[in-house]
Amino acid sequence: MYAGWVSALMNGSVKALEVICDVNFLWTNSAGETRTKAQLMQGADSDELIYESWTSDSHRVRFYGNTAVLTCRDHLNVIVQGNSSSLEQETIAVFFRQDNSAWKLVSTQSTGFAVEGN
């Protein structure tokens, strides 16, 4: 589930994000900025933010009926408006499945940590 989200963002795939994200999706990134699904779609294939690499580890998933809560640590290299940056962040992602349909990403929130050398 989370790997699909990461892949869609890295590839700027509006189609994939449309399928993965719930209509009420809300993202709070490590800078504290929030984006709705509509805002995410508008900027998905933009050159303002380019993901050079994104790996994650320490995955832990807990299921509560039709809700899954994932926590992990992400390691990213990005270019934001032409400036390179390395990020580490703790992420919580909430997925929901209704009536045995596909899992949808409802919300994700990341908290950033300083990376040595930045």
Protein backbone atom coordinates (compact mmCIF):
# COMPACT_ATOMS: atom_id res chain seq x y z
CA MET A 1 0.00 0.00 0.00
CA TYR A 2 2.63 2.52 1.08
CA ALA A 3 5.04 1.48 -1.67
CA GLY A 4 2.37 2.40 -4.24
CA TRP A 5 2.06 5.87 -2.69
CA VAL A 6 5.83 6.39 -2.78
CA SER A 7 6.08 5.14 -6.37
CA ALA A 8 3.22 7.38 -7.53
CA LEU A 9 4.82 10.46 -5.96
CA MET A 10 8.29 9.67 -7.31
CA ASN A 11 6.90 9.16 -10.82
CA GLY A 12 4.47 12.08 -10.69
CA SER A 13 1.67 9.68 -11.62
CA VAL A 14 -1.63 11.52 -11.31
CA LYS A 15 -3.47 8.36 -12.44
CA ALA A 16 -1.93 6.23 -9.69
CA LEU A 17 -2.55 8.88 -7.03
CA GLU A 18 -6.18 9.11 -8.15
CA VAL A 19 -6.59 5.38 -7.46
CA ILE A 20 -4.55 5.28 -4.22
CA CYS A 21 -5.93 8.35 -2.44
CA ASP A 22 -9.41 8.60 -0.96
CA VAL A 23 -11.59 11.52 -2.05
CA ASN A 24 -11.16 13.02 1.46
CA PHE A 25 -7.37 12.50 1.50
CA LEU A 26 -5.29 14.96 3.54
CA TRP A 27 -1.47 15.09 3.62
CA THR A 28 0.54 17.01 6.19
CA ASN A 29 4.16 16.98 5.05
CA SER A 30 7.29 17.34 7.18
CA ALA A 31 7.25 21.13 6.65
CA GLY A 32 3.78 21.29 8.24
CA GLU A 33 2.05 22.11 4.94
CA THR A 34 -1.25 20.41 4.22
CA ARG A 35 -2.55 19.27 0.85
CA THR A 36 -5.92 17.88 -0.14
CA LYS A 37 -6.28 15.29 -2.87
CA ALA A 38 -7.14 18.02 -5.39
CA GLN A 39 -4.01 20.03 -4.45
CA LEU A 40 -1.87 16.90 -4.64
CA MET A 41 -3.18 16.12 -8.13
CA GLN A 42 -2.42 19.65 -9.35
CA GLY A 43 1.23 19.47 -8.29
CA ALA A 44 1.95 15.77 -8.87
CA ASP A 45 3.69 16.17 -12.23
CA SER A 46 5.22 19.57 -11.47
CA ASP A 47 8.96 20.25 -11.59
CA GLU A 48 8.77 22.28 -8.35
CA LEU A 49 9.36 19.10 -6.31
CA ILE A 50 11.40 16.22 -7.71
CA TYR A 51 11.98 13.05 -5.70
CA GLU A 52 15.48 11.77 -6.55
CA SER A 53 15.28 8.84 -4.13
CA TRP A 54 12.94 7.59 -1.41
CA THR A 55 13.52 4.61 0.81
CA SER A 56 11.76 3.68 4.00
CA ASP A 57 12.30 1.22 6.81
CA SER A 58 11.00 0.28 10.26
CA HIS A 59 7.55 -0.39 8.81
CA ARG A 60 4.89 -1.35 11.31
CA VAL A 61 1.26 -1.89 10.31
CA ARG A 62 -1.65 -2.28 12.70
CA PHE A 63 -5.11 -3.31 11.54
CA TYR A 64 -8.31 -2.13 13.20
CA GLY A 65 -11.10 -3.74 11.21
CA ASN A 66 -11.22 -1.91 7.88
CA THR A 67 -8.55 0.59 8.94
CA ALA A 68 -4.79 0.11 8.71
CA VAL A 69 -2.27 2.42 10.38
CA LEU A 70 1.28 2.29 9.04
CA THR A 71 4.29 3.90 10.69
CA CYS A 72 7.75 4.05 9.14
CA ARG A 73 10.91 6.08 8.78
CA ASP A 74 11.52 7.64 5.36
CA HIS A 75 14.83 8.73 3.83
CA LEU A 76 14.44 11.09 0.87
CA ASN A 77 16.60 13.08 -1.51
CA VAL A 78 14.58 15.80 -3.20
CA ILE A 79 15.00 18.89 -5.34
CA VAL A 80 12.68 21.69 -4.24
CA GLN A 81 12.53 24.64 -6.63
CA GLY A 82 16.04 23.80 -7.86
CA ASN A 83 17.60 23.22 -4.41
CA SER A 84 18.80 19.74 -3.36
CA SER A 85 17.90 18.46 0.07
CA SER A 86 18.11 15.25 2.11
CA LEU A 87 15.25 14.50 4.47
CA GLU A 88 14.52 11.97 7.17
CA GLN A 89 11.02 11.74 8.50
CA GLU A 90 8.78 9.61 10.67
CA THR A 91 5.53 8.96 8.84
CA ILE A 92 2.07 7.80 9.84
CA ALA A 93 -0.24 6.73 7.01
CA VAL A 94 -3.88 5.76 7.49
CA PHE A 95 -5.59 3.46 4.99
CA PHE A 96 -9.28 2.50 4.87
CA ARG A 97 -11.19 -0.21 3.05
CA GLN A 98 -14.96 -0.09 2.71
CA ASP A 99 -17.05 -3.16 1.86
CA ASN A 100 -13.98 -5.24 0.90
CA SER A 101 -13.01 -2.76 -1.83
CA ALA A 102 -9.41 -1.66 -2.49
CA TRP A 103 -7.48 0.06 0.28
CA LYS A 104 -7.49 3.87 0.01
CA LEU A 105 -4.99 6.24 1.59
CA VAL A 106 -7.00 8.60 3.79
CA SER A 107 -4.28 10.61 5.47
CA THR A 108 -0.54 10.80 5.92
CA GLN A 109 1.54 12.95 8.23
CA SER A 110 5.31 13.24 8.44
CA THR A 111 7.62 14.73 11.04
CA GLY A 112 11.05 15.71 9.78
CA PHE A 113 14.42 15.23 11.43
CA ALA A 114 17.67 17.04 10.68
CA VAL A 115 20.05 15.16 8.41
CA GLU A 116 23.77 15.62 8.98
CA GLY A 117 25.32 17.74 6.24
CA ASN A 118 22.20 19.77 5.41
